[in-house]
C-alpha atoms as a PDB file:
ATOM      1  CA  MET A   1      94.136 109.448 100.685  1.00  0.00           C
ATOM      2  CA  ARG A   2      92.931 112.214 102.471  1.00  0.00           C
ATOM      3  CA  PHE A   3      90.895 112.926 105.706  1.00  0.00           C
ATOM      4  CA  GLU A   4      87.861 115.040 106.237  1.00  0.00           C
ATOM      5  CA  PRO A   5      86.707 115.955 109.794  1.00  0.00           C
ATOM      6  CA  THR A   6      83.088 115.219 110.892  1.00  0.00           C
ATOM      7  CA  ALA A   7      80.946 116.868 113.746  1.00  0.00           C
ATOM      8  CA  VAL A   8      82.332 114.307 116.163  1.00  0.00           C
ATOM      9  CA  PRO A   9      85.875 115.194 117.155  1.00  0.00           C
ATOM     10  CA  GLY A  10      88.251 112.520 116.122  1.00  0.00           C
ATOM     11  CA  CYS A  11      85.824 110.932 113.766  1.00  0.00           C
ATOM     12  CA  VAL A  12      86.936 111.463 110.083  1.00  0.00           C
ATOM     13  CA  ILE A  13      85.823 110.483 106.617  1.00  0.00           C
ATOM     14  CA  VAL A  14      88.659 108.642 104.949  1.00  0.00           C
ATOM     15  CA  HIS A  15      88.763 109.495 101.217  1.00  0.00           C
ATOM     16  CA  ALA A  16      90.400 106.409  99.459  1.00  0.00           C
ATOM     17  CA  PRO A  17      89.247 106.722  95.911  1.00  0.00           C
ATOM     18  CA  PRO A  18      89.758 103.597  93.765  1.00  0.00           C
ATOM     19  CA  ALA A  19      91.866 103.769  90.584  1.00  0.00           C
ATOM     20  CA  ARG A  20      89.793 102.353  87.898  1.00  0.00           C
ATOM     21  CA  ASP A  21      90.447 101.129  84.404  1.00  0.00           C
ATOM     22  CA  GLU A  22      89.026  98.669  82.154  1.00  0.00           C
ATOM     23  CA  ARG A  23      89.768  95.744  84.357  1.00  0.00           C
ATOM     24  CA  GLY A  24      88.067  97.234  87.339  1.00  0.00           C
ATOM     25  CA  GLY A  25      89.500  99.046  90.207  1.00  0.00           C
ATOM     26  CA  PHE A  26      91.999  99.074  93.088  1.00  0.00           C
ATOM     27  CA  ALA A  27      91.758 101.066  96.340  1.00  0.00           C
ATOM     28  CA  LYS A  28      94.128 101.347  99.298  1.00  0.00           C
ATOM     29  CA  THR A  29      92.087 101.660 102.496  1.00  0.00           C
ATOM     30  CA  PHE A  30      95.009 102.035 104.928  1.00  0.00           C
ATOM     31  CA  HIS A  31      98.491 103.402 104.847  1.00  0.00           C
ATOM     32  CA  ALA A  32     100.330 103.534 108.197  1.00  0.00           C
ATOM     33  CA  THR A  33     102.445 106.655 107.378  1.00  0.00           C
ATOM     34  CA  THR A  34      99.646 108.586 106.222  1.00  0.00           C
ATOM     35  CA  PHE A  35      97.291 107.750 109.129  1.00  0.00           C
ATOM     36  CA  GLU A  36     100.268 108.496 111.666  1.00  0.00           C
ATOM     37  CA  ALA A  37     100.685 111.911 110.003  1.00  0.00           C
ATOM     38  CA  ALA A  38      97.128 112.647 110.588  1.00  0.00           C
ATOM     39  CA  GLY A  39      97.199 111.576 114.264  1.00  0.00           C
ATOM     40  CA  LEU A  40      95.125 108.408 113.740  1.00  0.00           C
ATOM     41  CA  ARG A  41      95.687 105.076 115.271  1.00  0.00           C
ATOM     42  CA  THR A  42      97.600 102.334 113.227  1.00  0.00           C
ATOM     43  CA  ASP A  43      97.653  99.503 115.912  1.00  0.00           C
ATOM     44  CA  TRP A  44      94.858  97.305 114.354  1.00  0.00           C
ATOM     45  CA  ARG A  45      94.365  94.193 116.174  1.00  0.00           C
ATOM     46  CA  GLU A  46      91.464  92.522 114.246  1.00  0.00           C
ATOM     47  CA  GLU A  47      89.840  92.788 110.865  1.00  0.00           C
ATOM     48  CA  PHE A  48      86.515  91.373 109.874  1.00  0.00           C
ATOM     49  CA  TYR A  49      83.608  91.791 107.544  1.00  0.00           C
ATOM     50  CA  SER A  50      79.677  91.509 107.666  1.00  0.00           C
ATOM     51  CA  PHE A  51      77.280  91.149 104.891  1.00  0.00           C
ATOM     52  CA  SER A  52      73.759  92.210 105.271  1.00  0.00           C
ATOM     53  CA  ARG A  53      70.519  92.284 103.222  1.00  0.00           C
ATOM     54  CA  ARG A  54      68.502  95.487 102.676  1.00  0.00           C
ATOM     55  CA  ASN A  55      66.992  97.000 105.893  1.00  0.00           C
ATOM     56  CA  VAL A  56      69.263  95.310 108.413  1.00  0.00           C
ATOM     57  CA  VAL A  57      70.300  97.681 111.106  1.00  0.00           C
ATOM     58  CA  ARG A  58      73.457  96.547 112.854  1.00  0.00           C
ATOM     59  CA  GLY A  59      74.276  98.352 115.980  1.00  0.00           C
ATOM     60  CA  VAL A  60      74.802 100.610 117.615  1.00  0.00           C
ATOM     61  CA  HIS A  61      77.771  98.756 118.995  1.00  0.00           C
ATOM     62  CA  PHE A  62      80.974  99.534 120.986  1.00  0.00           C
ATOM     63  CA  GLN A  63      83.267  97.898 123.446  1.00  0.00           C
ATOM     64  CA  ARG A  64      83.710  99.108 127.051  1.00  0.00           C
ATOM     65  CA  PRO A  65      87.134  99.656 128.521  1.00  0.00           C
ATOM     66  CA  PRO A  66      89.569  98.105 128.812  1.00  0.00           C
ATOM     67  CA  ALA A  67      88.759  96.532 125.567  1.00  0.00           C
ATOM     68  CA  ASP A  68      87.398  99.798 123.881  1.00  0.00           C
ATOM     69  CA  HIS A  69      88.767 100.386 120.352  1.00  0.00           C
ATOM     70  CA  ALA A  70      89.014 102.789 117.502  1.00  0.00           C
ATOM     71  CA  LYS A  71      87.470 101.458 114.294  1.00  0.00           C
ATOM     72  CA  LEU A  72      87.970 101.989 110.533  1.00  0.00           C
ATOM     73  CA  VAL A  73      84.991 100.778 108.422  1.00  0.00           C
ATOM     74  CA  PHE A  74      84.665 100.815 104.634  1.00  0.00           C
ATOM     75  CA  CYS A  75      81.739  99.494 102.463  1.00  0.00           C
ATOM     76  CA  LEU A  76      82.865  96.906  99.849  1.00  0.00           C
ATOM     77  CA  GLU A  77      79.800  96.020  98.213  1.00  0.00           C
ATOM     78  CA  GLY A  78      76.571  97.777  97.862  1.00  0.00           C
ATOM     79  CA  GLU A  79      75.499 100.880 100.152  1.00  0.00           C
ATOM     80  CA  VAL A  80      74.993 101.666 103.834  1.00  0.00           C
ATOM     81  CA  LEU A  81      73.849 104.576 105.892  1.00  0.00           C
ATOM     82  CA  ASP A  82      76.637 104.445 108.546  1.00  0.00           C
ATOM     83  CA  VAL A  83      75.866 106.050 111.947  1.00  0.00           C
ATOM     84  CA  VAL A  84      78.278 107.085 114.614  1.00  0.00           C
ATOM     85  CA  LEU A  85      77.253 108.018 118.174  1.00  0.00           C
ATOM     86  CA  ASP A  86      79.697 109.994 120.520  1.00  0.00           C
ATOM     87  CA  LEU A  87      79.497 108.479 123.960  1.00  0.00           C
ATOM     88  CA  ARG A  88      82.408 110.484 125.414  1.00  0.00           C
ATOM     89  CA  VAL A  89      81.196 112.609 128.286  1.00  0.00           C
ATOM     90  CA  GLY A  90      82.475 116.073 127.914  1.00  0.00           C
ATOM     91  CA  SER A  91      82.525 115.898 124.002  1.00  0.00           C
ATOM     92  CA  PRO A  92      80.948 118.886 122.166  1.00  0.00           C
ATOM     93  CA  ALA A  93      79.148 116.051 120.282  1.00  0.00           C
ATOM     94  CA  TYR A  94      78.121 113.790 123.220  1.00  0.00           C
ATOM     95  CA  GLY A  95      74.889 112.038 122.451  1.00  0.00           C
ATOM     96  CA  ARG A  96      74.426 113.434 119.089  1.00  0.00           C
ATOM     97  CA  PRO A  97      74.559 110.980 116.064  1.00  0.00           C
ATOM     98  CA  ILE A  98      76.033 111.736 112.601  1.00  0.00           C
ATOM     99  CA  SER A  99      75.723 109.678 109.690  1.00  0.00           C
ATOM    100  CA  GLU A 100      77.462 109.140 106.231  1.00  0.00           C
ATOM    101  CA  ARG A 101      76.505 107.328 103.267  1.00  0.00           C
ATOM    102  CA  LEU A 102      79.087 104.856 102.351  1.00  0.00           C
ATOM    103  CA  THR A 103      79.224 102.831  99.120  1.00  0.00           C
ATOM    104  CA  ALA A 104      81.342 100.377  97.306  1.00  0.00           C
ATOM    105  CA  ASP A 105      81.928 102.900  94.545  1.00  0.00           C
ATOM    106  CA  ASP A 106      83.058 106.145  96.322  1.00  0.00           C
ATOM    107  CA  GLY A 107      86.106 104.941  98.140  1.00  0.00           C
ATOM    108  CA  ARG A 108      84.847 106.648 101.393  1.00  0.00           C
ATOM    109  CA  GLY A 109      85.221 105.098 104.929  1.00  0.00           C
ATOM    110  CA  LEU A 110      85.040 106.261 108.388  1.00  0.00           C
ATOM    111  CA  TYR A 111      87.662 106.290 111.147  1.00  0.00           C
ATOM    112  CA  ILE A 112      85.688 106.144 114.393  1.00  0.00           C
ATOM    113  CA  PRO A 113      87.699 106.867 117.615  1.00  0.00           C
ATOM    114  CA  SER A 114      87.244 105.067 120.840  1.00  0.00           C
ATOM    115  CA  GLY A 115      84.293 106.044 122.951  1.00  0.00           C
ATOM    116  CA  CYS A 116      81.977 106.266 119.867  1.00  0.00           C
ATOM    117  CA  ALA A 117      79.147 103.739 119.173  1.00  0.00           C
ATOM    118  CA  HIS A 118      78.908 102.526 115.445  1.00  0.00           C
ATOM    119  CA  GLY A 119      75.908 101.110 113.529  1.00  0.00           C
ATOM    120  CA  PHE A 120      74.649 101.145 110.011  1.00  0.00           C
ATOM    121  CA  LEU A 121      71.604 100.380 107.754  1.00  0.00           C
ATOM    122  CA  SER A 122      71.993  98.277 104.848  1.00  0.00           C
ATOM    123  CA  THR A 123      70.251 100.424 102.029  1.00  0.00           C
ATOM    124  CA  SER A 124      71.010  98.066  98.889  1.00  0.00           C
ATOM    125  CA  GLU A 125      69.990  94.573  98.210  1.00  0.00           C
ATOM    126  CA  GLN A 126      73.274  93.244  99.788  1.00  0.00           C
ATOM    127  CA  SER A 127      75.992  95.240 101.466  1.00  0.00           C
ATOM    128  CA  LEU A 128      79.544  94.100 102.539  1.00  0.00           C
ATOM    129  CA  MET A 129      81.408  95.982 105.314  1.00  0.00           C
ATOM    130  CA  LEU A 130      85.007  95.836 106.272  1.00  0.00           C
ATOM    131  CA  TYR A 131      86.118  96.744 109.801  1.00  0.00           C
ATOM    132  CA  LYS A 132      89.517  97.156 111.445  1.00  0.00           C
ATOM    133  CA  VAL A 133      89.597  97.491 115.275  1.00  0.00           C
ATOM    134  CA  THR A 134      92.422  98.363 117.662  1.00  0.00           C
ATOM    135  CA  SER A 135      91.344  95.698 120.371  1.00  0.00           C
ATOM    136  CA  VAL A 136      90.666  92.136 120.346  1.00  0.00           C
ATOM    137  CA  TYR A 137      86.913  91.173 120.642  1.00  0.00           C
ATOM    138  CA  SER A 138      85.965  90.777 124.154  1.00  0.00           C
ATOM    139  CA  PRO A 139      82.530  89.363 124.785  1.00  0.00           C
ATOM    140  CA  GLU A 140      82.273  90.715 128.404  1.00  0.00           C
ATOM    141  CA  CYS A 141      83.095  94.399 127.099  1.00  0.00           C
ATOM    142  CA  ASP A 142      80.964  94.152 123.950  1.00  0.00           C
ATOM    143  CA  THR A 143      77.747  95.945 124.111  1.00  0.00           C
ATOM    144  CA  GLY A 144      75.670  98.706 122.536  1.00  0.00           C
ATOM    145  CA  VAL A 145      72.769 101.141 122.810  1.00  0.00           C
ATOM    146  CA  LEU A 146      69.305 100.543 121.306  1.00  0.00           C
ATOM    147  CA  TRP A 147      69.337 101.812 117.775  1.00  0.00           C
ATOM    148  CA  ASP A 148      66.059 103.732 117.967  1.00  0.00           C
ATOM    149  CA  SER A 149      66.889 105.539 121.157  1.00  0.00           C
ATOM    150  CA  ILE A 150      69.788 107.664 119.899  1.00  0.00           C
ATOM    151  CA  GLY A 151      67.793 110.548 118.290  1.00  0.00           C
ATOM    152  CA  PHE A 152      68.626 109.557 114.781  1.00  0.00           C
ATOM    153  CA  ASP A 153      65.870 109.568 112.008  1.00  0.00           C
ATOM    154  CA  TRP A 154      66.490 106.139 110.549  1.00  0.00           C
ATOM    155  CA  PRO A 155      64.766 105.729 107.262  1.00  0.00           C
ATOM    156  CA  VAL A 156      63.335 102.357 108.076  1.00  0.00           C
ATOM    157  CA  ARG A 157      60.608 101.789 110.699  1.00  0.00           C
ATOM    158  CA  GLU A 158      60.956  98.096 110.992  1.00  0.00           C
ATOM    159  CA  PRO A 159      64.418  96.805 110.371  1.00  0.00           C
ATOM    160  CA  LEU A 160      65.902  93.437 110.488  1.00  0.00           C
ATOM    161  CA  LEU A 161      67.623  93.266 113.873  1.00  0.00           C
ATOM    162  CA  SER A 162      69.555  90.641 115.822  1.00  0.00           C
ATOM    163  CA  ASP A 163      68.010  89.553 119.247  1.00  0.00           C
ATOM    164  CA  ARG A 164      71.152  91.097 120.888  1.00  0.00           C
ATOM    165  CA  ASP A 165      70.572  94.430 119.195  1.00  0.00           C
ATOM    166  CA  ARG A 166      66.940  94.600 120.300  1.00  0.00           C
ATOM    167  CA  LEU A 167      67.975  94.265 123.859  1.00  0.00           C
ATOM    168  CA  HIS A 168      70.379  97.033 124.160  1.00  0.00           C
ATOM    169  CA  PRO A 169      69.608  99.743 126.772  1.00  0.00           C
ATOM    170  CA  ALA A 170      68.169 103.006 125.578  1.00  0.00           C
ATOM    171  CA  LEU A 171      70.675 105.818 125.372  1.00  0.00           C
ATOM    172  CA  VAL A 172      68.813 107.722 128.236  1.00  0.00           C
ATOM    173  CA  ASP A 173      69.489 104.610 130.396  1.00  0.00           C
ATOM    174  CA  PHE A 174      73.096 104.263 129.480  1.00  0.00           C
ATOM    175  CA  GLU A 175      75.932 105.470 131.971  1.00  0.00           C
ATOM    176  CA  SER A 176      79.024 106.208 129.871  1.00  0.00           C
ATOM    177  CA  PRO A 177      82.505 104.936 130.948  1.00  0.00           C
ATOM    178  CA  PHE A 178      83.961 107.256 128.321  1.00  0.00           C
ATOM    179  CA  ARG A 179      85.393 110.674 128.917  1.00  0.00           C
ATOM    180  CA  PHE A 180      86.599 113.063 126.187  1.00  0.00           C
ATOM    181  CA  ASP A 181      90.085 114.145 126.026  1.00  0.00           C
ATOM    182  CA  GLU A 182      90.447 117.177 123.749  1.00  0.00           C
ATOM    183  CA  THR A 183      94.390 116.633 123.658  1.00  0.00           C
ATOM    184  CA  ALA A 184      93.710 113.097 122.092  1.00  0.00           C
ATOM    185  CA  PRO A 185      90.410 113.171 120.105  1.00  0.00           C
ATOM    186  CA  PHE A 186      91.397 110.438 117.782  1.00  0.00           C
ATOM    187  CA  ARG A 187      92.225 107.783 120.329  1.00  0.00           C
END
């Protein structure tokens, strides 16, 4: 397992390549000691998954304080275009989205620090995403920004969206509660 920085401070690509043989494969997606040594959080509180059809966009989501969280995501089936948007005022990447293609075969995931929004586009017939988060779901803190307002060139013009995701405010109308702390970018 190794970690590769991205353009968003504290957001790292997690390389967890599967071991393969004639039976199939096996991958370790989390190891507390390795994450701690890299300065990443290990205090996971919930784990869940979503499955999506092709052209589904989920996001761009986050939880406001005090229920904000770091997130660890992996694609377990299919392929997604994963998108992270830094919402931490003062961050050198504030308001600039990044993306990574995640697949079931490559063993790559993303560690996303608190203060960043997350979303993805399912680019395969079906995708299965696994998420770990460091806070318990809080309906009153759960929110997002409108998917097509973040300055990202999504490779789909008419995605399948939830009603909720259609109603998020545009990024330009969003007042961020998050502040960047360069001494703790992984939090």
